[in-house]
């Protein structure tokens, strides 16, 4: 077993013990104590490959719905064709111009928030382009016009390249209303002055009839305030968002958030944080912000994408990815290990933030995460950065959401990148065709965690060993998180092994099990995926389990994601 959390502590609501931290004698002593306390499962315990112990008497923080957030950027087929099909005699069924099938499916997974309009697109976006009569809005060259990932067959004349701005502020806010999500706006710090953030907030939130911009909002079809509370101050300000130094960005953050009108709302400003493990960026921004700047910040954004060679310098990121469909076991495990690194990033940034913010007023916001593969599997040529979505991606989603649940005290919001036809999307949509991906099914299963209390759990499972770059490597053998809502205990478990089922015992301490059901997402081949032609290849199934006293015995299939719903007496 490989150490992920420190022995004897409750970090993120889950413990995993390593050979170095718990030798065989200690392990057997602990097991004997448990068997003495719970004799009903002693016979099964010795036959199991793994054990998950859930401690109901040790609840943690509430899991915020905003952790189950999403990301919409004006890139490729995400907005146009994916979400927005137009409201003038569109042949695609829609609700006020938004694809109807998308609204219905997204509403089902209870999205806590949706981030918009980028991403790097936000760093060039002028919100004023997206208001007023749609047929008179300016057309602009999209930020992504020169991306080298474009398919050679893409129509480079359409809205994916030349932004028509028909999907603007009111259209996006209405979309959020339709699916029950909070809007989270990314403000342009690179190329717009602070005055424009003030005025965008005024357009969104000033009372009906109170200002000229409120009148403009009414003319755009929404007389009442949009009540947008979540505002990101820039995006990737270390890169496409302005190439700022940390201290320079801290000055900009303080300037953009100074004396911002609230209109009776508690506005939440999110700072533009670091890429991956650039802990120095976090340290230097917080040190420069000082107490006053920190007090005006709700969250600190962190981005982490998973690919096969996380050690490559950022300048070579595009060379470090494998194909979304054609991957071997070494590439499979390397990408999962990169996804599992999310835990270390959260814990370390949290500790660095504490140097300037010991009370932890500021929470973490992981507003871009997911798997990123090489181009070539996009569902249609205009879907820039579109990629197929296999059971490997489902496992990435399960592991990552488990990490967020365990760190519910630290992570206030997160958004998978991105919603439709882009990166680790939940949906493929093109013209009149529509498809759910395996990642969608993971979000559907895990939505039961929202607003539940994170429950501490302890995993004992052997590590998975593999080879990467001709060197031995290892990763944890199981991922899990638990939450309690009323008398319903939700336990999610991801088995990352590509070829080995894990016979496991789930031991519930502190309550009596009345009933158990399991929803399992798995496939015979880890490369399995859904497509427009075969949209139901990967779907979950539900079975009823039985418990023997406090113990649930279950075998987790290879490369699977499972949700256990346990009714507690």
Protein backbone atom coordinates (compact mmCIF):
# COMPACT_ATOMS: atom_id res chain seq x y z
CA UNK A 1 0.00 0.00 0.00
CA UNK A 2 1.15 3.50 -0.74
CA UNK A 3 0.80 6.43 1.64
CA UNK A 4 -1.66 9.11 0.61
CA UNK A 5 -2.69 10.50 3.99
CA UNK A 6 -0.69 10.74 7.18
CA UNK A 7 -1.19 7.84 9.57
CA UNK A 8 -3.37 8.45 12.57
CA UNK A 9 -4.84 11.69 11.27
CA UNK A 10 -8.11 12.58 9.61
CA UNK A 11 -7.10 14.41 6.44
CA UNK A 12 -9.90 14.96 3.98
CA UNK A 13 -12.19 12.51 5.77
CA UNK A 14 -10.32 9.37 4.64
CA UNK A 15 -7.20 7.50 5.68
CA UNK A 16 -5.03 5.13 3.68
CA UNK A 17 -2.22 3.30 5.41
CA UNK A 18 1.14 2.39 3.86
CA UNK A 19 3.49 -0.47 4.57
CA UNK A 20 5.88 2.04 6.09
CA UNK A 21 3.22 3.40 8.45
CA UNK A 22 1.52 0.19 9.50
CA UNK A 23 3.53 -3.00 9.54
CA UNK A 24 1.96 -6.44 9.40
CA UNK A 25 1.87 -6.83 13.17
CA UNK A 26 0.06 -3.50 13.63
CA UNK A 27 -2.35 -4.35 10.85
CA UNK A 28 -3.22 -7.72 12.39
CA UNK A 29 -3.62 -6.12 15.80
CA UNK A 30 -6.05 -3.56 14.37
CA UNK A 31 -7.92 -6.24 12.47
CA UNK A 32 -8.18 -8.41 15.59
CA UNK A 33 -9.63 -5.47 17.54
CA UNK A 34 -12.22 -4.90 14.86
CA UNK A 35 -13.10 -8.57 14.73
CA UNK A 36 -13.57 -8.60 18.48
CA UNK A 37 -15.86 -5.60 18.26
CA UNK A 38 -17.74 -6.85 15.18
CA UNK A 39 -17.59 -10.68 15.22
CA UNK A 40 -20.14 -11.02 12.45
CA UNK A 41 -17.65 -10.16 9.73
CA UNK A 42 -14.57 -12.03 10.95
CA UNK A 43 -15.12 -14.96 8.59
CA UNK A 44 -15.43 -12.69 5.55
CA UNK A 45 -12.63 -10.29 6.44
CA UNK A 46 -9.79 -12.69 5.71
CA UNK A 47 -11.10 -13.48 2.20
CA UNK A 48 -11.45 -9.85 1.08
CA UNK A 49 -8.91 -8.01 -1.07
CA UNK A 50 -9.76 -4.66 0.52
CA UNK A 51 -11.66 -3.12 3.39
CA UNK A 52 -13.39 0.25 3.73
CA UNK A 53 -14.32 1.26 7.26
CA UNK A 54 -16.92 4.04 7.52
CA UNK A 55 -17.07 5.89 10.83
CA UNK A 56 -20.51 7.48 11.18
CA UNK A 57 -19.55 9.03 14.50
CA UNK A 58 -16.86 11.15 12.79
CA UNK A 59 -18.67 13.52 10.40
CA UNK A 60 -16.83 16.24 8.56
CA UNK A 61 -17.90 19.28 6.56
CA UNK A 62 -21.00 19.58 4.38
CA UNK A 63 -20.36 18.78 0.72
CA UNK A 64 -21.24 21.96 -1.16
CA UNK A 65 -23.41 21.49 -4.29
CA UNK A 66 -21.04 23.90 -6.05
CA UNK A 67 -18.35 21.19 -5.93
CA UNK A 68 -20.48 19.52 -8.63
CA UNK A 69 -20.04 22.38 -11.05
CA UNK A 70 -19.42 22.67 -14.77
CA UNK A 71 -17.57 24.86 -17.22
CA UNK A 72 -18.87 26.49 -20.41
CA UNK A 73 -16.36 28.27 -22.65
CA UNK A 74 -16.84 29.68 -26.12
CA UNK A 75 -14.57 27.09 -27.70
CA UNK A 76 -15.30 24.70 -30.54
CA UNK A 77 -18.74 23.09 -30.32
CA UNK A 78 -19.33 23.79 -26.65
CA UNK A 79 -21.69 26.78 -26.90
CA UNK A 80 -22.80 26.93 -30.53
CA UNK A 81 -24.41 23.66 -31.61
CA UNK A 82 -23.72 22.14 -28.20
CA UNK A 83 -25.83 24.40 -25.95
CA UNK A 84 -27.22 27.18 -28.11
CA UNK A 85 -29.20 26.09 -31.18
CA UNK A 86 -30.98 29.43 -31.70
CA UNK A 87 -34.56 30.41 -31.04
CA UNK A 88 -35.64 31.23 -34.58
CA UNK A 89 -37.29 28.19 -36.15
CA UNK A 90 -34.54 25.82 -35.06
CA UNK A 91 -35.07 22.24 -36.16
CA UNK A 92 -33.53 21.08 -32.86
CA UNK A 93 -35.99 20.96 -29.94
CA UNK A 94 -35.05 23.81 -27.60
CA UNK A 95 -36.12 25.93 -24.65
CA UNK A 96 -35.56 29.61 -25.47
CA UNK A 97 -32.77 28.65 -27.84
CA UNK A 98 -31.05 26.13 -25.53
CA UNK A 99 -31.00 22.47 -26.57
CA UNK A 100 -33.93 20.78 -24.77
CA UNK A 101 -32.28 17.37 -24.30
CA UNK A 102 -29.31 19.05 -22.68
CA UNK A 103 -31.47 21.01 -20.23
CA UNK A 104 -33.38 17.90 -19.16
CA UNK A 105 -30.29 15.73 -18.72
CA UNK A 106 -28.25 18.40 -16.91
CA UNK A 107 -31.08 19.23 -14.53
CA UNK A 108 -31.06 15.57 -13.45
CA UNK A 109 -27.48 15.72 -12.13
CA UNK A 110 -28.16 18.89 -10.09
CA UNK A 111 -25.34 21.18 -11.25
CA UNK A 112 -24.28 23.41 -8.36
CA UNK A 113 -22.81 26.13 -10.57
CA UNK A 114 -21.66 26.74 -14.14
CA UNK A 115 -18.60 28.83 -14.98
CA UNK A 116 -18.69 31.10 -18.07
CA UNK A 117 -17.52 32.48 -20.58
CA UNK A 118 -14.04 30.97 -20.15
CA UNK A 119 -11.26 29.97 -19.80
CA UNK A 120 -8.92 31.78 -22.08
CA UNK A 121 -11.87 33.10 -24.08
CA UNK A 122 -12.81 35.20 -21.04
CA UNK A 123 -9.46 36.97 -21.26
CA UNK A 124 -10.54 38.65 -24.51
CA UNK A 125 -14.31 38.78 -23.91
CA UNK A 126 -16.11 42.12 -23.72
CA UNK A 127 -19.42 41.49 -21.96
CA UNK A 128 -20.96 44.46 -23.83
CA UNK A 129 -20.72 42.43 -27.06
CA UNK A 130 -23.30 40.00 -25.65
CA UNK A 131 -26.14 42.43 -24.89
CA UNK A 132 -28.69 44.23 -27.05
CA UNK A 133 -30.57 42.83 -30.08
CA UNK A 134 -28.94 39.57 -31.16
CA UNK A 135 -28.94 40.45 -34.82
CA UNK A 136 -26.99 43.64 -34.11
CA UNK A 137 -24.33 42.25 -31.80
CA UNK A 138 -20.74 42.53 -33.07
CA UNK A 139 -18.91 39.55 -34.52
CA UNK A 140 -15.41 38.97 -33.18
CA UNK A 141 -12.49 36.66 -33.91
CA UNK A 142 -12.51 33.91 -31.29
CA UNK A 143 -9.50 33.55 -28.97
CA UNK A 144 -9.03 29.96 -30.19
CA UNK A 145 -8.80 30.84 -33.90
CA UNK A 146 -5.15 29.75 -34.19
CA UNK A 147 -5.24 26.66 -31.96
CA UNK A 148 -3.11 23.94 -33.51
CA UNK A 149 -5.61 21.21 -32.50
CA UNK A 150 -8.19 22.20 -35.13
CA UNK A 151 -9.28 19.31 -37.34
CA UNK A 152 -8.25 19.73 -40.96
CA UNK A 153 -11.90 19.13 -41.89
CA UNK A 154 -13.34 21.84 -39.65
CA UNK A 155 -15.41 24.63 -41.21
CA UNK A 156 -13.33 27.60 -40.14
CA UNK A 157 -15.98 30.13 -41.17
CA UNK A 158 -18.59 29.35 -38.51
CA UNK A 159 -19.36 30.57 -34.97
CA UNK A 160 -16.64 28.35 -33.53
CA UNK A 161 -14.07 30.68 -35.13
CA UNK A 162 -15.90 33.99 -35.57
CA UNK A 163 -17.91 34.65 -32.41
CA UNK A 164 -21.45 35.97 -33.19
CA UNK A 165 -22.19 36.83 -29.52
CA UNK A 166 -25.77 35.58 -29.81
CA UNK A 167 -25.18 33.68 -26.56
CA UNK A 168 -24.52 36.47 -24.07
CA UNK A 169 -25.12 37.30 -20.44
CA UNK A 170 -28.91 36.97 -20.33
CA UNK A 171 -28.88 33.85 -22.49
CA UNK A 172 -26.35 32.18 -20.20
CA UNK A 173 -28.17 33.27 -17.03
CA UNK A 174 -31.43 31.85 -18.39
CA UNK A 175 -29.66 28.58 -19.14
CA UNK A 176 -28.51 28.44 -15.51
CA UNK A 177 -32.06 29.12 -14.33
CA UNK A 178 -33.38 26.31 -16.53
CA UNK A 179 -31.00 23.72 -15.07
CA UNK A 180 -31.01 25.00 -11.47
CA UNK A 181 -27.36 26.14 -11.32
CA UNK A 182 -25.69 29.26 -9.96
CA UNK A 183 -23.92 31.33 -12.64
CA UNK A 184 -20.23 31.93 -12.07
CA UNK A 185 -18.81 34.68 -14.29
CA UNK A 186 -15.12 35.01 -15.19
CA UNK A 187 -14.21 38.68 -15.53
CA UNK A 188 -11.71 39.88 -18.11
CA UNK A 189 -8.72 41.29 -16.24
CA UNK A 190 -6.26 41.04 -19.12
CA UNK A 191 -7.92 43.42 -21.59
CA UNK A 192 -10.79 45.28 -19.86
CA UNK A 193 -10.49 47.94 -17.14
CA UNK A 194 -11.89 47.51 -13.63
CA UNK A 195 -14.71 49.87 -14.58
CA UNK A 196 -16.18 47.16 -16.80
CA UNK A 197 -16.42 44.67 -13.94
CA UNK A 198 -18.38 47.29 -11.98
CA UNK A 199 -20.72 47.87 -14.93
CA UNK A 200 -21.18 44.17 -15.69
CA UNK A 201 -22.25 43.64 -12.07
CA UNK A 202 -24.60 46.60 -12.45
CA UNK A 203 -26.10 45.13 -15.62
CA UNK A 204 -26.64 41.79 -13.88
CA UNK A 205 -27.78 42.83 -10.43
CA UNK A 206 -29.11 46.39 -10.22
CA UNK A 207 -32.86 46.53 -9.39
CA UNK A 208 -35.39 46.69 -12.20
CA UNK A 209 -35.74 50.22 -13.55
CA UNK A 210 -32.98 51.61 -11.33
CA UNK A 211 -30.19 52.18 -13.86
CA UNK A 212 -29.67 52.52 -17.58
CA UNK A 213 -28.04 49.11 -17.59
CA UNK A 214 -31.02 47.64 -15.73
CA UNK A 215 -33.21 49.03 -18.51
CA UNK A 216 -30.90 47.39 -21.06
CA UNK A 217 -31.23 44.07 -19.23
CA UNK A 218 -35.00 44.42 -19.38
CA UNK A 219 -34.81 45.12 -23.11
CA UNK A 220 -32.75 41.95 -23.43
CA UNK A 221 -35.61 39.98 -21.90
CA UNK A 222 -34.88 39.89 -18.16
CA UNK A 223 -36.35 42.85 -16.21
CA UNK A 224 -35.58 41.38 -12.78
CA UNK A 225 -31.99 41.16 -11.50
CA UNK A 226 -29.99 38.07 -12.46
CA UNK A 227 -28.55 37.93 -8.91
CA UNK A 228 -25.10 36.77 -9.97
CA UNK A 229 -23.06 36.23 -6.80
CA UNK A 230 -19.98 34.38 -8.05
CA UNK A 231 -17.30 36.40 -9.87
CA UNK A 232 -13.90 35.17 -10.94
CA UNK A 233 -11.34 37.96 -11.10
CA UNK A 234 -9.41 36.90 -14.18
CA UNK A 235 -8.47 33.48 -15.50
CA UNK A 236 -5.04 31.85 -15.51
CA UNK A 237 -3.49 35.23 -14.89
CA UNK A 238 -0.05 33.62 -14.87
CA UNK A 239 -0.55 32.78 -18.59
CA UNK A 240 -3.23 33.64 -21.17
CA UNK A 241 -4.89 35.92 -18.61
CA UNK A 242 -2.14 38.53 -18.77
CA UNK A 243 1.23 36.90 -17.99
CA UNK A 244 1.16 38.59 -14.58
CA UNK A 245 3.72 38.11 -11.88
CA UNK A 246 2.07 37.02 -8.61
CA UNK A 247 2.54 40.42 -6.95
CA UNK A 248 1.16 42.25 -9.99
CA UNK A 249 -1.91 40.04 -10.04
CA UNK A 250 -2.49 40.66 -6.32
CA UNK A 251 -2.51 44.40 -7.00
CA UNK A 252 -5.02 43.91 -9.83
CA UNK A 253 -7.25 41.74 -7.65
CA UNK A 254 -7.40 44.40 -4.97
CA UNK A 255 -8.14 47.07 -7.56
CA UNK A 256 -10.90 45.11 -9.33
CA UNK A 257 -12.63 44.20 -6.06
CA UNK A 258 -12.37 47.59 -4.32
CA UNK A 259 -15.77 49.12 -3.54
CA UNK A 260 -17.68 46.73 -5.78
CA UNK A 261 -21.47 47.27 -5.46
CA UNK A 262 -23.28 44.32 -3.92
CA UNK A 263 -26.93 45.31 -4.53
CA UNK A 264 -27.89 43.43 -1.38
CA UNK A 265 -26.09 40.25 -2.43
CA UNK A 266 -23.08 38.69 -0.76
CA UNK A 267 -20.80 38.73 -3.78
CA UNK A 268 -18.08 36.08 -3.86
CA UNK A 269 -14.82 37.04 -5.57
CA UNK A 270 -12.55 34.21 -6.71
CA UNK A 271 -8.87 34.92 -7.25
CA UNK A 272 -7.05 33.53 -10.29
CA UNK A 273 -4.81 30.88 -8.84
CA UNK A 274 -1.90 28.71 -9.92
CA UNK A 275 -1.37 25.96 -12.46
CA UNK A 276 -1.00 22.59 -10.75
CA UNK A 277 1.77 22.65 -8.13
CA UNK A 278 3.06 26.20 -8.50
CA UNK A 279 2.88 26.72 -4.76
CA UNK A 280 5.12 29.78 -4.98
CA UNK A 281 2.41 31.60 -6.98
CA UNK A 282 -0.09 31.02 -4.16
CA UNK A 283 2.39 32.04 -1.47
CA UNK A 284 3.44 35.25 -3.22
CA UNK A 285 -0.11 36.39 -4.11
CA UNK A 286 -1.38 35.86 -0.57
CA UNK A 287 1.64 37.60 0.94
CA UNK A 288 1.09 40.61 -1.32
CA UNK A 289 -2.69 40.72 -0.77
CA UNK A 290 -2.35 41.20 2.94
CA UNK A 291 -5.28 41.13 5.33
CA UNK A 292 -7.49 43.57 3.44
CA UNK A 293 -7.07 41.75 0.13
CA UNK A 294 -7.62 38.35 1.71
CA UNK A 295 -10.79 39.59 3.38
CA UNK A 296 -12.23 40.49 -0.03
CA UNK A 297 -11.56 37.02 -1.46
CA UNK A 298 -14.02 34.13 -1.20
CA UNK A 299 -12.08 31.50 -3.10
CA UNK A 300 -8.70 30.79 -4.64
CA UNK A 301 -8.87 29.09 -8.03
CA UNK A 302 -6.66 26.14 -8.90
CA UNK A 303 -6.49 24.28 -12.23
CA UNK A 304 -5.31 20.71 -12.74
CA UNK A 305 -5.63 18.63 -15.90
CA UNK A 306 -4.62 14.99 -16.09
CA UNK A 307 -2.53 13.59 -18.92
CA UNK A 308 0.20 11.02 -19.31
CA UNK A 309 3.33 13.07 -18.67
CA UNK A 310 2.68 15.60 -15.92
CA UNK A 311 6.42 16.06 -15.46
CA UNK A 312 6.90 17.66 -18.87
CA UNK A 313 7.53 21.41 -18.91
CA UNK A 314 4.38 23.38 -19.67
CA UNK A 315 5.79 24.47 -23.04
CA UNK A 316 5.56 20.83 -24.17
CA UNK A 317 2.14 20.04 -22.74
CA UNK A 318 0.68 19.32 -26.18
CA UNK A 319 3.28 16.56 -26.73
CA UNK A 320 2.51 14.81 -23.46
CA UNK A 321 -0.90 13.32 -24.19
CA UNK A 322 -2.04 9.95 -25.45
CA UNK A 323 -5.03 9.10 -27.61
CA UNK A 324 -8.47 9.11 -25.96
CA UNK A 325 -9.24 5.62 -27.31
CA UNK A 326 -5.90 3.97 -28.12
CA UNK A 327 -4.05 3.58 -24.85
CA UNK A 328 -2.20 0.74 -23.14
CA UNK A 329 -2.20 -0.15 -19.44
CA UNK A 330 0.86 1.99 -18.72
CA UNK A 331 -0.77 5.07 -20.28
CA UNK A 332 -3.99 4.22 -18.46
CA UNK A 333 -2.37 4.14 -15.03
CA UNK A 334 -0.16 7.15 -15.67
CA UNK A 335 -3.18 9.32 -16.39
CA UNK A 336 -5.05 8.03 -13.33
CA UNK A 337 -2.04 8.67 -11.13
CA UNK A 338 -1.96 12.24 -12.41
CA UNK A 339 -5.66 12.58 -11.51
CA UNK A 340 -4.98 11.16 -8.04
CA UNK A 341 -2.41 13.93 -7.53
CA UNK A 342 -5.36 16.27 -6.97
CA UNK A 343 -5.28 15.26 -3.31
CA UNK A 344 -1.68 16.41 -2.83
CA UNK A 345 -2.34 19.68 -4.66
CA UNK A 346 -5.34 20.52 -2.48
CA UNK A 347 -3.55 19.73 0.76
CA UNK A 348 -0.37 21.61 -0.13
CA UNK A 349 -2.05 24.75 -1.48
CA UNK A 350 -4.25 24.74 1.63
CA UNK A 351 -1.18 24.69 3.86
CA UNK A 352 0.51 27.46 1.87
CA UNK A 353 -2.63 29.62 2.03
CA UNK A 354 -2.62 29.18 5.82
CA UNK A 355 0.69 31.02 6.04
CA UNK A 356 -1.16 34.28 5.28
CA UNK A 357 -4.70 33.15 6.09
CA UNK A 358 -4.45 30.97 9.22
CA UNK A 359 -8.22 31.14 9.80
CA UNK A 360 -8.82 29.77 6.30
CA UNK A 361 -11.31 32.43 5.36
CA UNK A 362 -10.46 31.73 1.72
CA UNK A 363 -11.51 28.35 0.31
CA UNK A 364 -10.20 26.49 -2.72
CA UNK A 365 -12.05 26.60 -6.05
CA UNK A 366 -10.90 23.97 -8.56
CA UNK A 367 -12.66 25.58 -11.49
CA UNK A 368 -10.91 23.57 -14.22
CA UNK A 369 -10.18 19.85 -13.92
CA UNK A 370 -10.42 16.72 -16.02
CA UNK A 371 -8.59 14.44 -18.45
CA UNK A 372 -6.97 15.98 -21.51
CA UNK A 373 -6.13 13.72 -24.46
CA UNK A 374 -4.52 14.31 -27.83
CA UNK A 375 -6.77 15.47 -30.71
CA UNK A 376 -8.25 13.09 -33.25
CA UNK A 377 -11.37 11.63 -31.62
CA UNK A 378 -13.61 14.72 -31.69
CA UNK A 379 -17.31 13.88 -32.37
CA UNK A 380 -17.34 16.28 -35.36
CA UNK A 381 -14.65 18.48 -36.97
CA UNK A 382 -15.74 21.79 -35.40
CA UNK A 383 -15.50 20.36 -31.86
CA UNK A 384 -12.12 21.88 -31.02
CA UNK A 385 -10.49 19.96 -28.15
CA UNK A 386 -13.35 17.50 -28.36
CA UNK A 387 -12.32 14.00 -27.33
CA UNK A 388 -13.94 10.65 -26.77
CA UNK A 389 -14.87 9.65 -23.26
CA UNK A 390 -14.18 6.06 -22.13
CA UNK A 391 -14.42 4.15 -18.87
CA UNK A 392 -10.93 5.52 -18.13
CA UNK A 393 -12.45 9.02 -18.04
CA UNK A 394 -15.25 7.77 -15.81
CA UNK A 395 -12.66 6.46 -13.36
CA UNK A 396 -10.88 9.85 -13.43
CA UNK A 397 -14.20 11.54 -12.62
CA UNK A 398 -14.96 9.15 -9.75
CA UNK A 399 -11.51 9.49 -8.20
CA UNK A 400 -11.57 13.28 -8.46
CA UNK A 401 -15.06 13.73 -7.03
CA UNK A 402 -14.10 11.39 -4.17
CA UNK A 403 -11.15 13.67 -3.46
CA UNK A 404 -13.35 16.77 -3.39
CA UNK A 405 -15.86 15.06 -1.09
CA UNK A 406 -13.12 14.06 1.35
CA UNK A 407 -11.83 17.65 1.32
CA UNK A 408 -15.25 19.28 1.68
CA UNK A 409 -13.81 21.50 4.42
CA UNK A 410 -11.33 22.97 1.92
CA UNK A 411 -12.99 22.88 -1.53
CA UNK A 412 -15.95 25.25 -1.93
CA UNK A 413 -16.48 24.89 -5.68
CA UNK A 414 -15.18 22.91 -8.64
CA UNK A 415 -16.02 22.60 -12.32
CA UNK A 416 -15.13 19.81 -14.69
CA UNK A 417 -13.85 20.97 -18.07
CA UNK A 418 -15.99 21.18 -20.09
CA UNK A 419 -19.73 20.67 -20.49
CA UNK A 420 -20.34 19.77 -24.15
CA UNK A 421 -18.09 18.54 -26.99
CA UNK A 422 -14.90 19.61 -25.23
CA UNK A 423 -12.31 17.80 -23.09
CA UNK A 424 -13.94 15.63 -20.37
CA UNK A 425 -17.46 16.57 -21.35
CA UNK A 426 -20.72 15.17 -20.04
CA UNK A 427 -22.41 15.46 -23.43
CA UNK A 428 -21.85 15.20 -27.15
CA UNK A 429 -24.32 17.25 -29.20
CA UNK A 430 -24.35 18.07 -32.91
CA UNK A 431 -27.32 19.20 -34.99
CA UNK A 432 -30.15 16.82 -34.01
CA UNK A 433 -27.90 14.20 -32.37
CA UNK A 434 -27.26 13.94 -28.64
CA UNK A 435 -25.32 11.56 -26.40
CA UNK A 436 -24.44 11.10 -22.73
CA UNK A 437 -20.84 10.19 -21.89
CA UNK A 438 -19.63 7.86 -19.09
CA UNK A 439 -18.57 11.00 -17.17
CA UNK A 440 -22.23 12.10 -17.17
CA UNK A 441 -23.23 8.86 -15.49
CA UNK A 442 -20.60 9.38 -12.77
CA UNK A 443 -21.99 12.85 -12.03
CA UNK A 444 -25.49 11.38 -11.94
CA UNK A 445 -24.43 8.73 -9.43
CA UNK A 446 -22.40 11.09 -7.26
CA UNK A 447 -25.05 13.82 -7.10
CA UNK A 448 -26.45 12.02 -4.04
CA UNK A 449 -23.47 13.38 -2.06
CA UNK A 450 -24.57 17.01 -2.46
CA UNK A 451 -25.44 18.72 0.86
CA UNK A 452 -24.52 15.54 2.76
CA UNK A 453 -22.02 15.55 5.63
CA UNK A 454 -18.70 14.07 4.58
CA UNK A 455 -17.98 11.00 6.73
CA UNK A 456 -14.51 9.84 7.65
CA UNK A 457 -13.52 6.51 6.13
CA UNK A 458 -10.42 4.33 6.23
CA UNK A 459 -9.30 2.26 3.25
CA UNK A 460 -7.01 -0.75 3.44
CA UNK A 461 -6.09 -1.93 -0.06
CA UNK A 462 -2.93 -2.98 -1.84
CA UNK A 463 -1.37 -0.48 -4.20
CA UNK A 464 -1.42 -0.98 -7.96
CA UNK A 465 2.06 -1.31 -9.44
CA UNK A 466 2.88 -0.49 -13.04
CA UNK A 467 5.70 0.78 -15.23
CA UNK A 468 5.96 4.27 -16.73
CA UNK A 469 8.93 5.49 -18.77
CA UNK A 470 10.68 2.20 -17.91
CA UNK A 471 10.46 3.04 -14.21
CA UNK A 472 8.36 1.35 -11.50
CA UNK A 473 5.37 3.36 -10.31
CA UNK A 474 2.40 2.84 -8.01
CA UNK A 475 -0.99 4.29 -7.20
CA UNK A 476 -3.70 3.60 -4.57
CA UNK A 477 -5.75 0.46 -5.18
CA UNK A 478 -9.15 1.97 -4.33
CA UNK A 479 -10.69 5.43 -4.07
CA UNK A 480 -13.74 6.16 -1.95
CA UNK A 481 -15.77 8.85 -0.21
CA UNK A 482 -18.83 8.75 2.05
CA UNK A 483 -21.55 11.16 3.10
CA UNK A 484 -24.61 11.08 5.31
CA UNK A 485 -27.89 12.85 4.62
CA UNK A 486 -30.70 12.03 7.02
CA UNK A 487 -30.65 8.26 7.37
CA UNK A 488 -29.11 7.66 3.93
CA UNK A 489 -25.42 6.87 3.75
CA UNK A 490 -23.90 7.29 0.29
CA UNK A 491 -20.63 5.49 -0.35
CA UNK A 492 -18.87 5.86 -3.70
CA UNK A 493 -15.97 3.61 -4.65
CA UNK A 494 -13.71 3.64 -7.70
CA UNK A 495 -11.66 0.60 -8.58
CA UNK A 496 -8.87 1.87 -10.84
CA UNK A 497 -7.40 -1.56 -11.61
CA UNK A 498 -7.59 -2.14 -15.35
CA UNK A 499 -7.98 -5.92 -15.06
CA UNK A 500 -8.57 -7.00 -11.45
CA UNK A 501 -11.85 -7.08 -9.55
CA UNK A 502 -11.59 -6.14 -5.86
CA UNK A 503 -13.54 -8.26 -3.39
CA UNK A 504 -14.14 -5.83 -0.56
CA UNK A 505 -15.82 -5.41 2.76
CA UNK A 506 -17.50 -2.14 3.65
CA UNK A 507 -17.80 -1.92 7.42
CA UNK A 508 -20.28 0.64 8.76
CA UNK A 509 -19.46 1.65 12.32
CA UNK A 510 -21.93 3.61 14.46
CA UNK A 511 -25.24 2.63 12.86
CA UNK A 512 -27.42 -0.33 11.88
CA UNK A 513 -27.77 -1.22 8.20
CA UNK A 514 -31.37 -1.66 7.06
CA UNK A 515 -30.97 -1.92 3.28
CA UNK A 516 -28.31 -1.54 0.59
CA UNK A 517 -28.45 -0.93 -3.14
CA UNK A 518 -25.52 -0.62 -5.55
CA UNK A 519 -25.33 1.31 -8.81
CA UNK A 520 -22.38 0.12 -10.87
CA UNK A 521 -20.79 1.74 -13.93
CA UNK A 522 -18.47 -0.72 -15.67
CA UNK A 523 -17.74 -2.30 -19.05
CA UNK A 524 -16.03 -5.44 -20.32
CA UNK A 525 -13.43 -3.27 -22.07
CA UNK A 526 -11.97 -0.16 -20.44
CA UNK A 527 -11.91 1.47 -23.89
CA UNK A 528 -15.72 1.28 -24.09
CA UNK A 529 -17.47 4.57 -24.83
CA UNK A 530 -20.72 6.07 -26.07
CA UNK A 531 -21.19 7.74 -29.44
CA UNK A 532 -23.94 9.20 -31.60
CA UNK A 533 -24.25 5.82 -33.34
CA UNK A 534 -24.09 3.77 -30.13
CA UNK A 535 -25.25 6.05 -27.29
CA UNK A 536 -26.00 3.29 -24.75
CA UNK A 537 -22.78 1.27 -24.83
CA UNK A 538 -21.78 2.38 -21.31
CA UNK A 539 -24.58 2.77 -18.78
CA UNK A 540 -24.92 2.00 -15.07
CA UNK A 541 -26.91 -0.87 -13.60
CA UNK A 542 -28.46 -1.17 -10.15
CA UNK A 543 -28.58 -4.24 -7.90
CA UNK A 544 -29.74 -4.96 -4.34
CA UNK A 545 -27.16 -6.15 -1.80
CA UNK A 546 -27.47 -7.75 1.60
CA UNK A 547 -25.50 -6.94 4.71
CA UNK A 548 -24.31 -9.28 7.43
CA UNK A 549 -24.50 -7.18 10.55
CA UNK A 550 -22.32 -4.09 9.99
CA UNK A 551 -20.63 -5.53 6.90
CA UNK A 552 -21.45 -5.18 3.22
CA UNK A 553 -19.53 -7.58 1.00
CA UNK A 554 -19.17 -6.52 -2.62
CA UNK A 555 -16.79 -7.14 -5.49
CA UNK A 556 -15.93 -4.01 -7.46
CA UNK A 557 -15.36 -4.80 -11.16
CA UNK A 558 -12.16 -3.66 -12.89
CA UNK A 559 -12.10 -0.01 -13.99
CA UNK A 560 -15.46 0.66 -12.36
CA UNK A 561 -17.31 3.35 -10.42
CA UNK A 562 -19.88 2.25 -7.84
CA UNK A 563 -22.40 4.01 -5.64
CA UNK A 564 -23.75 2.26 -2.54
CA UNK A 565 -26.88 3.72 -0.98
CA UNK A 566 -27.26 2.45 2.56
CA UNK A 567 -30.31 3.06 4.73
CA UNK A 568 -29.19 3.43 8.35
CA UNK A 569 -31.40 2.54 11.29
